[in-house]
C-alpha atoms as a PDB file:
ATOM      1  CA  MET A   1      -1.819 -30.773  -4.454  1.00  0.00           C
ATOM      2  CA  LYS A   2      -4.219 -27.865  -3.228  1.00  0.00           C
ATOM      3  CA  VAL A   3      -5.220 -27.804   0.450  1.00  0.00           C
ATOM      4  CA  THR A   4      -6.793 -25.457   2.749  1.00  0.00           C
ATOM      5  CA  ALA A   5      -5.690 -24.772   6.441  1.00  0.00           C
ATOM      6  CA  LYS A   6      -8.335 -23.109   8.380  1.00  0.00           C
ATOM      7  CA  ALA A   7      -6.621 -21.276  11.301  1.00  0.00           C
ATOM      8  CA  THR A   8      -8.712 -20.737  14.272  1.00  0.00           C
ATOM      9  CA  ARG A   9      -7.523 -18.489  17.096  1.00  0.00           C
ATOM     10  CA  SER A  10      -7.153 -20.783  20.518  1.00  0.00           C
ATOM     11  CA  GLY A  11      -5.767 -18.935  23.369  1.00  0.00           C
ATOM     12  CA  ASP A  12      -2.461 -18.022  22.120  1.00  0.00           C
ATOM     13  CA  TRP A  13      -2.295 -20.114  19.191  1.00  0.00           C
ATOM     14  CA  TRP A  14      -3.516 -20.817  15.952  1.00  0.00           C
ATOM     15  CA  ALA A  15      -5.418 -24.096  15.803  1.00  0.00           C
ATOM     16  CA  VAL A  16      -5.316 -25.236  12.293  1.00  0.00           C
ATOM     17  CA  GLU A  17      -7.140 -27.807  10.386  1.00  0.00           C
ATOM     18  CA  VAL A  18      -6.825 -29.035   6.707  1.00  0.00           C
ATOM     19  CA  PRO A  19     -10.536 -30.667   5.963  1.00  0.00           C
ATOM     20  CA  GLU A  20      -8.863 -32.127   2.785  1.00  0.00           C
ATOM     21  CA  VAL A  21      -6.385 -34.904   4.535  1.00  0.00           C
ATOM     22  CA  GLU A  22      -8.187 -36.466   7.366  1.00  0.00           C
ATOM     23  CA  GLY A  23      -6.630 -36.282  10.722  1.00  0.00           C
ATOM     24  CA  VAL A  24      -4.353 -33.331   9.631  1.00  0.00           C
ATOM     25  CA  PHE A  25      -4.272 -30.626  12.612  1.00  0.00           C
ATOM     26  CA  THR A  26      -1.625 -28.685  13.900  1.00  0.00           C
ATOM     27  CA  GLN A  27      -1.183 -25.207  15.785  1.00  0.00           C
ATOM     28  CA  VAL A  28       1.294 -22.792  15.435  1.00  0.00           C
ATOM     29  CA  LYS A  29       1.967 -19.045  17.124  1.00  0.00           C
ATOM     30  CA  ARG A  30       1.645 -16.723  14.403  1.00  0.00           C
ATOM     31  CA  LEU A  31      -0.404 -16.979  11.473  1.00  0.00           C
ATOM     32  CA  ASP A  32       2.316 -16.307   9.020  1.00  0.00           C
ATOM     33  CA  GLN A  33       3.463 -19.824  10.022  1.00  0.00           C
ATOM     34  CA  VAL A  34       0.368 -21.711   8.812  1.00  0.00           C
ATOM     35  CA  ALA A  35       0.955 -22.657   5.443  1.00  0.00           C
ATOM     36  CA  ASP A  36       4.425 -23.852   6.138  1.00  0.00           C
ATOM     37  CA  MET A  37       3.130 -26.043   9.072  1.00  0.00           C
ATOM     38  CA  ALA A  38       0.311 -27.369   7.439  1.00  0.00           C
ATOM     39  CA  ALA A  39       2.211 -28.354   4.064  1.00  0.00           C
ATOM     40  CA  ASP A  40       4.627 -30.422   6.381  1.00  0.00           C
ATOM     41  CA  ALA A  41       1.756 -32.240   8.512  1.00  0.00           C
ATOM     42  CA  VAL A  42      -0.172 -33.052   5.054  1.00  0.00           C
ATOM     43  CA  ALA A  43       3.118 -34.222   3.404  1.00  0.00           C
ATOM     44  CA  LEU A  44       3.781 -36.358   6.629  1.00  0.00           C
ATOM     45  CA  MET A  45       0.196 -37.707   6.498  1.00  0.00           C
ATOM     46  CA  LEU A  46       0.546 -38.646   2.427  1.00  0.00           C
ATOM     47  CA  GLU A  47       4.051 -39.353   2.752  1.00  0.00           C
ATOM     48  CA  VAL A  48       4.783 -36.570   0.050  1.00  0.00           C
ATOM     49  CA  ALA A  49       7.442 -34.116  -0.233  1.00  0.00           C
ATOM     50  CA  PRO A  50       6.036 -30.736   1.309  1.00  0.00           C
ATOM     51  CA  GLY A  51       7.062 -28.626  -1.540  1.00  0.00           C
ATOM     52  CA  SER A  52       4.324 -30.628  -3.701  1.00  0.00           C
ATOM     53  CA  ILE A  53       1.636 -29.236  -1.112  1.00  0.00           C
ATOM     54  CA  GLU A  54      -0.345 -25.818  -2.016  1.00  0.00           C
ATOM     55  CA  VAL A  55      -1.875 -24.170   0.898  1.00  0.00           C
ATOM     56  CA  GLU A  56      -4.530 -21.451   1.208  1.00  0.00           C
ATOM     57  CA  VAL A  57      -4.560 -20.008   4.723  1.00  0.00           C
ATOM     58  CA  ALA A  58      -8.319 -19.494   5.882  1.00  0.00           C
ATOM     59  CA  PRO A  59      -8.170 -17.786   9.239  1.00  0.00           C
ATOM     60  CA  GLN A  60     -11.726 -18.273  10.663  1.00  0.00           C
ATOM     61  CA  LEU A  61     -12.391 -15.180  12.742  1.00  0.00           C
ATOM     62  CA  GLY A  62     -16.041 -15.378  13.362  1.00  0.00           C
ATOM     63  CA  ASP A  63     -18.097 -12.761  13.424  1.00  0.00           C
ATOM     64  CA  VAL A  64     -15.345 -10.116  12.464  1.00  0.00           C
ATOM     65  CA  GLN A  65     -14.846 -11.673   9.182  1.00  0.00           C
ATOM     66  CA  ARG A  66     -17.449  -9.563   7.788  1.00  0.00           C
ATOM     67  CA  GLU A  67     -15.760  -6.730   8.688  1.00  0.00           C
ATOM     68  CA  VAL A  68     -12.526  -8.083   7.716  1.00  0.00           C
ATOM     69  CA  ALA A  69     -13.964  -8.175   3.967  1.00  0.00           C
ATOM     70  CA  ALA A  70     -15.694  -4.860   4.192  1.00  0.00           C
ATOM     71  CA  ALA A  71     -12.791  -3.031   4.977  1.00  0.00           C
ATOM     72  CA  THR A  72     -10.711  -5.124   2.739  1.00  0.00           C
ATOM     73  CA  ALA A  73     -13.242  -3.955  -0.099  1.00  0.00           C
ATOM     74  CA  ALA A  74     -13.334  -0.476   0.886  1.00  0.00           C
ATOM     75  CA  ALA A  75      -9.386  -0.295   0.806  1.00  0.00           C
ATOM     76  CA  GLU A  76      -9.263  -1.935  -2.915  1.00  0.00           C
ATOM     77  CA  GLU A  77     -12.316   0.843  -4.067  1.00  0.00           C
ATOM     78  CA  ALA A  78     -10.277   3.318  -2.474  1.00  0.00           C
ATOM     79  CA  ALA A  79      -7.034   2.610  -3.975  1.00  0.00           C
ATOM     80  CA  THR A  80      -8.781   2.175  -7.228  1.00  0.00           C
ATOM     81  CA  ALA A  81     -10.221   5.660  -6.622  1.00  0.00           C
ATOM     82  CA  GLN A  82      -7.195   7.070  -5.683  1.00  0.00           C
ATOM     83  CA  ALA A  83      -5.400   6.010  -8.726  1.00  0.00           C
ATOM     84  CA  ARG A  84      -8.067   7.486 -11.482  1.00  0.00           C
ATOM     85  CA  ALA A  85      -7.722  10.458  -9.334  1.00  0.00           C
ATOM     86  CA  SER A  86      -3.918  10.742 -10.014  1.00  0.00           C
ATOM     87  CA  SER A  87      -4.133   9.597 -13.534  1.00  0.00           C
ATOM     88  CA  LEU A  88      -6.720  12.783 -13.959  1.00  0.00           C
ATOM     89  CA  LEU A  89      -4.453  15.106 -12.367  1.00  0.00           C
ATOM     90  CA  ARG A  90      -1.669  14.047 -14.905  1.00  0.00           C
ATOM     91  CA  SER A  91      -3.407  14.970 -17.622  1.00  0.00           C
ATOM     92  CA  VAL A  92      -4.990  18.065 -15.834  1.00  0.00           C
ATOM     93  CA  VAL A  93      -1.578  19.275 -15.112  1.00  0.00           C
ATOM     94  CA  ALA A  94       0.143  18.160 -18.267  1.00  0.00           C
ATOM     95  CA  THR A  95      -2.995  19.907 -20.364  1.00  0.00           C
ATOM     96  CA  LEU A  96      -2.542  23.538 -18.068  1.00  0.00           C
ATOM     97  CA  ARG A  97       0.770  23.561 -18.555  1.00  0.00           C
ATOM     98  CA  ARG A  98       1.018  22.489 -22.358  1.00  0.00           C
ATOM     99  CA  ASP A  99      -1.977  23.592 -23.930  1.00  0.00           C
ATOM    100  CA  GLN A 100      -2.586  26.691 -21.611  1.00  0.00           C
ATOM    101  CA  SER A 101       1.553  27.493 -20.869  1.00  0.00           C
ATOM    102  CA  LEU A 102       0.577  28.067 -16.920  1.00  0.00           C
ATOM    103  CA  SER A 103       3.754  27.919 -14.574  1.00  0.00           C
ATOM    104  CA  THR A 104       4.084  25.492 -11.887  1.00  0.00           C
ATOM    105  CA  ARG A 105       2.760  27.614  -9.437  1.00  0.00           C
ATOM    106  CA  ASP A 106      -0.601  28.685 -11.316  1.00  0.00           C
ATOM    107  CA  VAL A 107      -0.989  24.920 -11.711  1.00  0.00           C
ATOM    108  CA  ALA A 108      -0.630  24.281  -8.194  1.00  0.00           C
ATOM    109  CA  LEU A 109      -2.871  27.137  -7.031  1.00  0.00           C
ATOM    110  CA  ILE A 110      -5.557  26.138  -9.287  1.00  0.00           C
ATOM    111  CA  LEU A 111      -5.110  22.189  -8.399  1.00  0.00           C
ATOM    112  CA  GLY A 112      -4.540  22.953  -4.633  1.00  0.00           C
ATOM    113  CA  LEU A 113      -1.468  21.386  -4.378  1.00  0.00           C
ATOM    114  CA  SER A 114       2.374  22.458  -3.987  1.00  0.00           C
ATOM    115  CA  HIS A 115       4.257  23.517  -6.738  1.00  0.00           C
ATOM    116  CA  GLN A 116       6.585  20.565  -6.163  1.00  0.00           C
ATOM    117  CA  ARG A 117       3.968  17.764  -6.433  1.00  0.00           C
ATOM    118  CA  VAL A 118       2.627  19.778  -9.903  1.00  0.00           C
ATOM    119  CA  SER A 119       6.033  19.114 -10.918  1.00  0.00           C
ATOM    120  CA  GLN A 120       6.221  15.388  -9.837  1.00  0.00           C
ATOM    121  CA  LEU A 121       2.867  14.730 -11.457  1.00  0.00           C
ATOM    122  CA  GLU A 122       4.699  16.309 -14.515  1.00  0.00           C
ATOM    123  CA  SER A 123       7.309  14.142 -14.515  1.00  0.00           C
ATOM    124  CA  ALA A 124       5.697  10.825 -13.318  1.00  0.00           C
ATOM    125  CA  PRO A 125       5.493   7.918 -15.894  1.00  0.00           C
ATOM    126  CA  ALA A 126       1.749   6.893 -16.255  1.00  0.00           C
ATOM    127  CA  ALA A 127       0.908   4.640 -13.176  1.00  0.00           C
ATOM    128  CA  PRO A 128       2.459   0.938 -12.886  1.00  0.00           C
ATOM    129  CA  SER A 129       0.387  -1.402 -14.984  1.00  0.00           C
ATOM    130  CA  GLY A 130       0.525  -4.358 -12.619  1.00  0.00           C
ATOM    131  CA  ARG A 131      -1.583  -6.833 -11.883  1.00  0.00           C
ATOM    132  CA  GLY A 132      -3.578  -8.370  -9.383  1.00  0.00           C
ATOM    133  CA  LYS A 133      -4.424  -7.030  -5.400  1.00  0.00           C
ATOM    134  CA  ALA A 134      -0.527  -6.964  -4.189  1.00  0.00           C
ATOM    135  CA  ALA A 135       0.126  -4.409  -7.521  1.00  0.00           C
ATOM    136  CA  ARG A 136      -3.131  -2.267  -6.153  1.00  0.00           C
ATOM    137  CA  THR A 137      -2.307  -2.502  -2.611  1.00  0.00           C
ATOM    138  CA  ALA A 138       1.575  -1.329  -3.320  1.00  0.00           C
ATOM    139  CA  ARG A 139       0.095   1.028  -5.634  1.00  0.00           C
ATOM    140  CA  ALA A 140      -2.018   2.625  -3.759  1.00  0.00           C
ATOM    141  CA  GLY A 141       0.303   2.607  -0.595  1.00  0.00           C
ATOM    142  CA  ARG A 142       2.584   5.015  -2.844  1.00  0.00           C
ATOM    143  CA  ILE A 143      -0.500   7.160  -3.761  1.00  0.00           C
ATOM    144  CA  VAL A 144      -1.734   7.653  -0.650  1.00  0.00           C
ATOM    145  CA  SER A 145       1.911   8.308   0.684  1.00  0.00           C
ATOM    146  CA  GLN A 146       2.183  10.932  -2.044  1.00  0.00           C
ATOM    147  CA  VAL A 147      -0.942  12.847  -1.771  1.00  0.00           C
ATOM    148  CA  ALA A 148      -0.630  12.808   1.685  1.00  0.00           C
ATOM    149  CA  ALA A 149       2.798  14.591   1.192  1.00  0.00           C
ATOM    150  CA  ALA A 150       1.174  16.746  -0.450  1.00  0.00           C
ATOM    151  CA  ARG A 151      -1.237  17.938   0.912  1.00  0.00           C
ATOM    152  CA  HIS A 152       0.103  18.348   4.381  1.00  0.00           C
ATOM    153  CA  PRO A 153       0.259  22.232   5.423  1.00  0.00           C
ATOM    154  CA  ARG A 154       3.227  21.729   7.822  1.00  0.00           C
ATOM    155  CA  THR A 155       5.273  19.702   6.062  1.00  0.00           C
ATOM    156  CA  ALA A 156       9.321  21.001   7.163  1.00  0.00           C
ATOM    157  CA  VAL A 157      11.169  21.168   3.870  1.00  0.00           C
ATOM    158  CA  VAL A 158      14.767  21.461   3.692  1.00  0.00           C
ATOM    159  CA  GLU A 159      16.434  23.673   0.880  1.00  0.00           C
ATOM    160  CA  ARG A 160      20.176  24.524  -0.322  1.00  0.00           C
ATOM    161  CA  SER A 161      20.673  27.005  -2.429  1.00  0.00           C
ATOM    162  CA  ALA A 162      23.489  28.261  -4.655  1.00  0.00           C
ATOM    163  CA  LYS A 163      23.550  31.708  -2.719  1.00  0.00           C
ATOM    164  CA  SER A 164      23.851  29.884   0.663  1.00  0.00           C
ATOM    165  CA  PRO A 165      25.344  26.521   0.899  1.00  0.00           C
ATOM    166  CA  ARG A 166      24.158  26.141   4.097  1.00  0.00           C
ATOM    167  CA  ALA A 167      20.861  24.343   4.824  1.00  0.00           C
ATOM    168  CA  THR A 168      17.588  25.915   6.233  1.00  0.00           C
ATOM    169  CA  THR A 169      14.592  24.375   7.209  1.00  0.00           C
ATOM    170  CA  ARG A 170      11.311  26.370   7.035  1.00  0.00           C
ATOM    171  CA  ALA A 171       7.482  25.363   7.315  1.00  0.00           C
ATOM    172  CA  SER A 172       5.578  25.177   4.118  1.00  0.00           C
ATOM    173  CA  SER A 173       2.802  27.111   5.428  1.00  0.00           C
ATOM    174  CA  SER A 174       5.272  29.682   6.455  1.00  0.00           C
ATOM    175  CA  SER A 175       8.126  32.321   4.818  1.00  0.00           C
ATOM    176  CA  THR A 176      10.303  32.287   8.169  1.00  0.00           C
ATOM    177  CA  GLU A 177      13.664  30.614   7.577  1.00  0.00           C
ATOM    178  CA  VAL A 178      15.164  29.011  10.656  1.00  0.00           C
ATOM    179  CA  PRO A 179      19.070  27.663  10.159  1.00  0.00           C
ATOM    180  CA  ALA A 180      18.727  23.735  10.002  1.00  0.00           C
ATOM    181  CA  LYS A 181      20.820  21.800  12.959  1.00  0.00           C
END
């Protein structure tokens, strides 16, 4: 059986109502507890196993509901745009490296990326083909993290070279090396 659990904030608690089953009301401290508590309450009222109840949680947020929906939609649009940008970057990197025979550093300069990011894009497989909102959100988080890391001008880099096994730390926008601690 599928039911909807409407959760409304009431002080420090979430008041939960299941409109499909008359008389089912409960409360929880956290929103992540709503599904289990609603399933237990419905199962108790209908004398069925709690595992047979599928619960859709519907937080009732009042005026903020529209803002939440707009923010979620904007995040999904941004994730889609970022995935497309990443795909285009991978394609351009491959073309410049393969067809134009440009070095990684030359491609980096052309695209405004670090040479390390160009190497990542060159060796990265195509974007995951996961489906659904969770896959898009996870993919977007990874992409945003990668882009932010690639574009941050003062990222500390730890290097070890064959000449000197001692690690050194330097800021990526500076050529001054400082011994690593």
